[in-house]
Amino acid sequence: MNGPVRVAVDASRCQAYGLCVAVHPDVFDVPAGSPTAVVLRDVVGAGDLDDVEQAVRACPAQALSLHPAGER
């Protein structure tokens, strides 16, 4: 993807494994007691894209997705 992207977590799939947090803790978090990961910055730029894409690939539940920032 080129340009800013929107990061989304599908709460119905997320199992709070935390691999996304391990890859990019500035974008993802699993708060204590939370059943799902949360996105701390829902729009990321080119500087974070490689790590965010790695987090998406690493998610065993396939609960993370990326979309162009202007798309809903």
PDB file of N, CA and C in Angstrom:
ATOM      1  N   MET A   1       0.841  -1.180   0.000  1.00  0.00           N
ATOM      2  CA  MET A   1       0.000   0.000   0.000  1.00  0.00           C
ATOM      3  C   MET A   1       0.884   1.241   0.000  1.00  0.00           C
ATOM      4  N   ASN A   2       0.414   2.257  -0.640  1.00  0.00           N
ATOM      5  CA  ASN A   2       1.118   3.534  -0.645  1.00  0.00           C
ATOM      6  C   ASN A   2       0.319   4.544   0.159  1.00  0.00           C
ATOM      7  N   GLY A   3       1.011   5.462   0.807  1.00  0.00           N
ATOM      8  CA  GLY A   3       0.333   6.484   1.581  1.00  0.00           C
ATOM      9  C   GLY A   3      -0.122   5.969   2.923  1.00  0.00           C
ATOM     10  N   PRO A   4      -0.816   6.816   3.686  1.00  0.00           N
ATOM     11  CA  PRO A   4      -1.275   6.409   5.010  1.00  0.00           C
ATOM     12  C   PRO A   4      -2.298   5.280   4.929  1.00  0.00           C
ATOM     13  N   VAL A   5      -2.260   4.428   5.936  1.00  0.00           N
ATOM     14  CA  VAL A   5      -3.213   3.319   5.991  1.00  0.00           C
ATOM     15  C   VAL A   5      -3.924   3.318   7.339  1.00  0.00           C
ATOM     16  N   ARG A   6      -5.133   2.798   7.322  1.00  0.00           N
ATOM     17  CA  ARG A   6      -5.931   2.643   8.544  1.00  0.00           C
ATOM     18  C   ARG A   6      -5.777   1.204   9.017  1.00  0.00           C
ATOM     19  N   VAL A   7      -5.520   1.045  10.305  1.00  0.00           N
ATOM     20  CA  VAL A   7      -5.331  -0.268  10.916  1.00  0.00           C
ATOM     21  C   VAL A   7      -6.612  -0.629  11.658  1.00  0.00           C
ATOM     22  N   ALA A   8      -7.073  -1.862  11.483  1.00  0.00           N
ATOM     23  CA  ALA A   8      -8.295  -2.302  12.151  1.00  0.00           C
ATOM     24  C   ALA A   8      -8.076  -3.647  12.829  1.00  0.00           C
ATOM     25  N   VAL A   9      -8.751  -3.834  13.959  1.00  0.00           N
ATOM     26  CA  VAL A   9      -8.757  -5.107  14.675  1.00  0.00           C
ATOM     27  C   VAL A   9     -10.178  -5.645  14.640  1.00  0.00           C
ATOM     28  N   ASP A  10     -10.337  -6.868  14.181  1.00  0.00           N
ATOM     29  CA  ASP A  10     -11.641  -7.530  14.185  1.00  0.00           C
ATOM     30  C   ASP A  10     -11.810  -8.178  15.561  1.00  0.00           C
ATOM     31  N   ALA A  11     -12.605  -7.543  16.420  1.00  0.00           N
ATOM     32  CA  ALA A  11     -12.775  -8.012  17.791  1.00  0.00           C
ATOM     33  C   ALA A  11     -13.390  -9.406  17.868  1.00  0.00           C
ATOM     34  N   SER A  12     -14.116  -9.801  16.845  1.00  0.00           N
ATOM     35  CA  SER A  12     -14.721 -11.134  16.868  1.00  0.00           C
ATOM     36  C   SER A  12     -13.685 -12.230  16.590  1.00  0.00           C
ATOM     37  N   ARG A  13     -12.529 -11.859  16.046  1.00  0.00           N
ATOM     38  CA  ARG A  13     -11.480 -12.839  15.755  1.00  0.00           C
ATOM     39  C   ARG A  13     -10.306 -12.760  16.724  1.00  0.00           C
ATOM     40  N   CYS A  14     -10.038 -11.564  17.246  1.00  0.00           N
ATOM     41  CA  CYS A  14      -8.858 -11.341  18.082  1.00  0.00           C
ATOM     42  C   CYS A  14      -8.921 -12.189  19.354  1.00  0.00           C
ATOM     43  N   GLN A  15      -7.803 -12.842  19.678  1.00  0.00           N
ATOM     44  CA  GLN A  15      -7.687 -13.653  20.880  1.00  0.00           C
ATOM     45  C   GLN A  15      -6.680 -13.064  21.876  1.00  0.00           C
ATOM     46  N   ALA A  16      -6.232 -11.829  21.630  1.00  0.00           N
ATOM     47  CA  ALA A  16      -5.306 -11.110  22.509  1.00  0.00           C
ATOM     48  C   ALA A  16      -3.989 -11.867  22.703  1.00  0.00           C
ATOM     49  N   TYR A  17      -3.486 -12.485  21.650  1.00  0.00           N
ATOM     50  CA  TYR A  17      -2.194 -13.175  21.742  1.00  0.00           C
ATOM     51  C   TYR A  17      -1.060 -12.187  22.010  1.00  0.00           C
ATOM     52  N   GLY A  18      -1.172 -10.973  21.496  1.00  0.00           N
ATOM     53  CA  GLY A  18      -0.183  -9.941  21.756  1.00  0.00           C
ATOM     54  C   GLY A  18       1.006  -9.914  20.822  1.00  0.00           C
ATOM     55  N   LEU A  19       1.005 -10.730  19.781  1.00  0.00           N
ATOM     56  CA  LEU A  19       2.123 -10.699  18.837  1.00  0.00           C
ATOM     57  C   LEU A  19       2.216  -9.348  18.144  1.00  0.00           C
ATOM     58  N   CYS A  20       1.084  -8.721  17.887  1.00  0.00           N
ATOM     59  CA  CYS A  20       1.092  -7.403  17.260  1.00  0.00           C
ATOM     60  C   CYS A  20       1.785  -6.387  18.162  1.00  0.00           C
ATOM     61  N   VAL A  21       1.567  -6.496  19.456  1.00  0.00           N
ATOM     62  CA  VAL A  21       2.206  -5.597  20.417  1.00  0.00           C
ATOM     63  C   VAL A  21       3.712  -5.817  20.418  1.00  0.00           C
ATOM     64  N   ALA A  22       4.126  -7.066  20.344  1.00  0.00           N
ATOM     65  CA  ALA A  22       5.550  -7.382  20.316  1.00  0.00           C
ATOM     66  C   ALA A  22       6.220  -6.793  19.081  1.00  0.00           C
ATOM     67  N   VAL A  23       5.509  -6.771  17.965  1.00  0.00           N
ATOM     68  CA  VAL A  23       6.065  -6.251  16.714  1.00  0.00           C
ATOM     69  C   VAL A  23       6.057  -4.725  16.705  1.00  0.00           C
ATOM     70  N   HIS A  24       4.958  -4.104  17.152  1.00  0.00           N
ATOM     71  CA  HIS A  24       4.870  -2.637  17.084  1.00  0.00           C
ATOM     72  C   HIS A  24       4.050  -2.090  18.256  1.00  0.00           C
ATOM     73  N   PRO A  25       4.683  -1.946  19.432  1.00  0.00           N
ATOM     74  CA  PRO A  25       3.961  -1.492  20.622  1.00  0.00           C
ATOM     75  C   PRO A  25       3.491  -0.040  20.567  1.00  0.00           C
ATOM     76  N   ASP A  26       3.966   0.734  19.602  1.00  0.00           N
ATOM     77  CA  ASP A  26       3.475   2.110  19.465  1.00  0.00           C
ATOM     78  C   ASP A  26       2.130   2.167  18.744  1.00  0.00           C
ATOM     79  N   VAL A  27       1.744   1.074  18.101  1.00  0.00           N
ATOM     80  CA  VAL A  27       0.484   1.040  17.352  1.00  0.00           C
ATOM     81  C   VAL A  27      -0.535   0.125  18.020  1.00  0.00           C
ATOM     82  N   PHE A  28      -0.075  -0.958  18.645  1.00  0.00           N
ATOM     83  CA  PHE A  28      -0.981  -1.950  19.234  1.00  0.00           C
ATOM     84  C   PHE A  28      -0.758  -2.079  20.733  1.00  0.00           C
ATOM     85  N   ASP A  29      -1.823  -2.471  21.442  1.00  0.00           N
ATOM     86  CA  ASP A  29      -1.715  -2.757  22.870  1.00  0.00           C
ATOM     87  C   ASP A  29      -2.769  -3.799  23.219  1.00  0.00           C
ATOM     88  N   VAL A  30      -2.489  -4.558  24.264  1.00  0.00           N
ATOM     89  CA  VAL A  30      -3.478  -5.445  24.863  1.00  0.00           C
ATOM     90  C   VAL A  30      -3.556  -5.021  26.330  1.00  0.00           C
ATOM     91  N   PRO A  31      -4.509  -4.151  26.652  1.00  0.00           N
ATOM     92  CA  PRO A  31      -4.629  -3.686  28.030  1.00  0.00           C
ATOM     93  C   PRO A  31      -4.899  -4.851  28.989  1.00  0.00           C
ATOM     94  N   ALA A  32      -4.435  -4.711  30.215  1.00  0.00           N
ATOM     95  CA  ALA A  32      -4.658  -5.750  31.221  1.00  0.00           C
ATOM     96  C   ALA A  32      -6.145  -6.075  31.323  1.00  0.00           C
ATOM     97  N   GLY A  33      -6.459  -7.352  31.229  1.00  0.00           N
ATOM     98  CA  GLY A  33      -7.834  -7.801  31.336  1.00  0.00           C
ATOM     99  C   GLY A  33      -8.657  -7.682  30.064  1.00  0.00           C
ATOM    100  N   SER A  34      -8.080  -7.120  29.016  1.00  0.00           N
ATOM    101  CA  SER A  34      -8.825  -6.945  27.766  1.00  0.00           C
ATOM    102  C   SER A  34      -8.871  -8.260  26.982  1.00  0.00           C
ATOM    103  N   PRO A  35     -10.016  -8.594  26.412  1.00  0.00           N
ATOM    104  CA  PRO A  35     -10.102  -9.816  25.607  1.00  0.00           C
ATOM    105  C   PRO A  35      -9.567  -9.623  24.189  1.00  0.00           C
ATOM    106  N   THR A  36      -9.265  -8.374  23.808  1.00  0.00           N
ATOM    107  CA  THR A  36      -8.775  -8.112  22.448  1.00  0.00           C
ATOM    108  C   THR A  36      -7.676  -7.058  22.465  1.00  0.00           C
ATOM    109  N   ALA A  37      -6.918  -7.054  21.398  1.00  0.00           N
ATOM    110  CA  ALA A  37      -5.933  -6.001  21.184  1.00  0.00           C
ATOM    111  C   ALA A  37      -6.666  -4.721  20.800  1.00  0.00           C
ATOM    112  N   VAL A  38      -6.021  -3.600  21.048  1.00  0.00           N
ATOM    113  CA  VAL A  38      -6.563  -2.316  20.626  1.00  0.00           C
ATOM    114  C   VAL A  38      -5.525  -1.600  19.777  1.00  0.00           C
ATOM    115  N   VAL A  39      -6.007  -0.752  18.903  1.00  0.00           N
ATOM    116  CA  VAL A  39      -5.132   0.040  18.043  1.00  0.00           C
ATOM    117  C   VAL A  39      -4.953   1.402  18.707  1.00  0.00           C
ATOM    118  N   LEU A  40      -3.707   1.775  18.964  1.00  0.00           N
ATOM    119  CA  LEU A  40      -3.410   3.056  19.603  1.00  0.00           C
ATOM    120  C   LEU A  40      -3.390   4.203  18.605  1.00  0.00           C
ATOM    121  N   ARG A  41      -2.967   3.906  17.381  1.00  0.00           N
ATOM    122  CA  ARG A  41      -2.966   4.894  16.292  1.00  0.00           C
ATOM    123  C   ARG A  41      -3.620   4.207  15.110  1.00  0.00           C
ATOM    124  N   ASP A  42      -4.832   4.588  14.787  1.00  0.00           N
ATOM    125  CA  ASP A  42      -5.548   3.869  13.731  1.00  0.00           C
ATOM    126  C   ASP A  42      -5.077   4.223  12.327  1.00  0.00           C
ATOM    127  N   VAL A  43      -4.373   5.347  12.165  1.00  0.00           N
ATOM    128  CA  VAL A  43      -3.804   5.688  10.857  1.00  0.00           C
ATOM    129  C   VAL A  43      -2.296   5.781  11.015  1.00  0.00           C
ATOM    130  N   VAL A  44      -1.584   5.029  10.178  1.00  0.00           N
ATOM    131  CA  VAL A  44      -0.120   5.030  10.227  1.00  0.00           C
ATOM    132  C   VAL A  44       0.435   5.428   8.874  1.00  0.00           C
ATOM    133  N   GLY A  45       1.614   6.026   8.905  1.00  0.00           N
ATOM    134  CA  GLY A  45       2.276   6.467   7.684  1.00  0.00           C
ATOM    135  C   GLY A  45       3.320   5.473   7.206  1.00  0.00           C
ATOM    136  N   ALA A  46       4.032   5.878   6.180  1.00  0.00           N
ATOM    137  CA  ALA A  46       5.011   5.016   5.529  1.00  0.00           C
ATOM    138  C   ALA A  46       6.100   4.542   6.482  1.00  0.00           C
ATOM    139  N   GLY A  47       6.481   5.357   7.461  1.00  0.00           N
ATOM    140  CA  GLY A  47       7.540   4.987   8.390  1.00  0.00           C
ATOM    141  C   GLY A  47       7.196   3.801   9.269  1.00  0.00           C
ATOM    142  N   ASP A  48       5.918   3.555   9.484  1.00  0.00           N
ATOM    143  CA  ASP A  48       5.476   2.439  10.321  1.00  0.00           C
ATOM    144  C   ASP A  48       4.934   1.263   9.516  1.00  0.00           C
ATOM    145  N   LEU A  49       4.785   1.441   8.237  1.00  0.00           N
ATOM    146  CA  LEU A  49       4.066   0.459   7.428  1.00  0.00           C
ATOM    147  C   LEU A  49       4.705  -0.919   7.429  1.00  0.00           C
ATOM    148  N   ASP A  50       6.020  -1.015   7.303  1.00  0.00           N
ATOM    149  CA  ASP A  50       6.664  -2.338   7.282  1.00  0.00           C
ATOM    150  C   ASP A  50       6.377  -3.121   8.556  1.00  0.00           C
ATOM    151  N   ASP A  51       6.519  -2.458   9.709  1.00  0.00           N
ATOM    152  CA  ASP A  51       6.267  -3.146  10.971  1.00  0.00           C
ATOM    153  C   ASP A  51       4.798  -3.495  11.149  1.00  0.00           C
ATOM    154  N   VAL A  52       3.903  -2.606  10.736  1.00  0.00           N
ATOM    155  CA  VAL A  52       2.476  -2.892  10.860  1.00  0.00           C
ATOM    156  C   VAL A  52       2.087  -4.055   9.943  1.00  0.00           C
ATOM    157  N   GLU A  53       2.626  -4.081   8.741  1.00  0.00           N
ATOM    158  CA  GLU A  53       2.361  -5.218   7.847  1.00  0.00           C
ATOM    159  C   GLU A  53       2.888  -6.514   8.453  1.00  0.00           C
ATOM    160  N   GLN A  54       4.047  -6.449   9.115  1.00  0.00           N
ATOM    161  CA  GLN A  54       4.590  -7.639   9.785  1.00  0.00           C
ATOM    162  C   GLN A  54       3.654  -8.095  10.902  1.00  0.00           C
ATOM    163  N   ALA A  55       3.103  -7.155  11.654  1.00  0.00           N
ATOM    164  CA  ALA A  55       2.154  -7.495  12.716  1.00  0.00           C
ATOM    165  C   ALA A  55       0.908  -8.158  12.144  1.00  0.00           C
ATOM    166  N   VAL A  56       0.417  -7.658  11.022  1.00  0.00           N
ATOM    167  CA  VAL A  56      -0.758  -8.262  10.376  1.00  0.00           C
ATOM    168  C   VAL A  56      -0.449  -9.710   9.981  1.00  0.00           C
ATOM    169  N   ARG A  57       0.708  -9.930   9.400  1.00  0.00           N
ATOM    170  CA  ARG A  57       1.093 -11.294   8.991  1.00  0.00           C
ATOM    171  C   ARG A  57       1.303 -12.206  10.198  1.00  0.00           C
ATOM    172  N   ALA A  58       1.785 -11.659  11.317  1.00  0.00           N
ATOM    173  CA  ALA A  58       2.098 -12.462  12.497  1.00  0.00           C
ATOM    174  C   ALA A  58       0.867 -12.872  13.298  1.00  0.00           C
ATOM    175  N   CYS A  59      -0.257 -12.205  13.102  1.00  0.00           N
ATOM    176  CA  CYS A  59      -1.449 -12.474  13.913  1.00  0.00           C
ATOM    177  C   CYS A  59      -1.994 -13.876  13.641  1.00  0.00           C
ATOM    178  N   PRO A  60      -1.934 -14.788  14.628  1.00  0.00           N
ATOM    179  CA  PRO A  60      -2.426 -16.155  14.403  1.00  0.00           C
ATOM    180  C   PRO A  60      -3.932 -16.225  14.180  1.00  0.00           C
ATOM    181  N   ALA A  61      -4.666 -15.236  14.675  1.00  0.00           N
ATOM    182  CA  ALA A  61      -6.123 -15.225  14.509  1.00  0.00           C
ATOM    183  C   ALA A  61      -6.560 -14.496  13.246  1.00  0.00           C
ATOM    184  N   GLN A  62      -5.602 -13.923  12.519  1.00  0.00           N
ATOM    185  CA  GLN A  62      -5.889 -13.137  11.317  1.00  0.00           C
ATOM    186  C   GLN A  62      -6.944 -12.062  11.607  1.00  0.00           C
ATOM    187  N   ALA A  63      -6.744 -11.368  12.743  1.00  0.00           N
ATOM    188  CA  ALA A  63      -7.715 -10.374  13.195  1.00  0.00           C
ATOM    189  C   ALA A  63      -7.356  -8.948  12.790  1.00  0.00           C
ATOM    190  N   LEU A  64      -6.190  -8.750  12.180  1.00  0.00           N
ATOM    191  CA  LEU A  64      -5.746  -7.406  11.811  1.00  0.00           C
ATOM    192  C   LEU A  64      -5.904  -7.192  10.315  1.00  0.00           C
ATOM    193  N   SER A  65      -6.247  -5.962   9.950  1.00  0.00           N
ATOM    194  CA  SER A  65      -6.362  -5.639   8.531  1.00  0.00           C
ATOM    195  C   SER A  65      -5.908  -4.200   8.301  1.00  0.00           C
ATOM    196  N   LEU A  66      -5.499  -3.926   7.064  1.00  0.00           N
ATOM    197  CA  LEU A  66      -5.073  -2.599   6.648  1.00  0.00           C
ATOM    198  C   LEU A  66      -5.954  -2.134   5.494  1.00  0.00           C
ATOM    199  N   HIS A  67      -6.270  -0.845   5.508  1.00  0.00           N
ATOM    200  CA  HIS A  67      -7.110  -0.240   4.469  1.00  0.00           C
ATOM    201  C   HIS A  67      -6.570   1.128   4.143  1.00  0.00           C
ATOM    202  N   PRO A  68      -6.730   1.612   2.910  1.00  0.00           N
ATOM    203  CA  PRO A  68      -6.334   2.985   2.624  1.00  0.00           C
ATOM    204  C   PRO A  68      -6.980   3.935   3.633  1.00  0.00           C
ATOM    205  N   ALA A  69      -6.249   4.939   4.076  1.00  0.00           N
ATOM    206  CA  ALA A  69      -6.721   5.824   5.155  1.00  0.00           C
ATOM    207  C   ALA A  69      -8.055   6.492   4.842  1.00  0.00           C
ATOM    208  N   GLY A  70      -8.356   6.777   3.595  1.00  0.00           N
ATOM    209  CA  GLY A  70      -9.616   7.419   3.235  1.00  0.00           C
ATOM    210  C   GLY A  70     -10.796   6.475   3.174  1.00  0.00           C
ATOM    211  N   GLU A  71     -10.543   5.173   3.226  1.00  0.00           N
ATOM    212  CA  GLU A  71     -11.598   4.161   3.104  1.00  0.00           C
ATOM    213  C   GLU A  71     -12.185   3.828   4.466  1.00  0.00           C
ATOM    214  N   ARG A  72     -13.445   3.556   4.525  1.00  0.00           N
ATOM    215  CA  ARG A  72     -14.104   3.165   5.779  1.00  0.00           C
ATOM    216  C   ARG A  72     -14.535   1.742   5.742  1.00  0.00           C
TER     217      ARG A  72
END
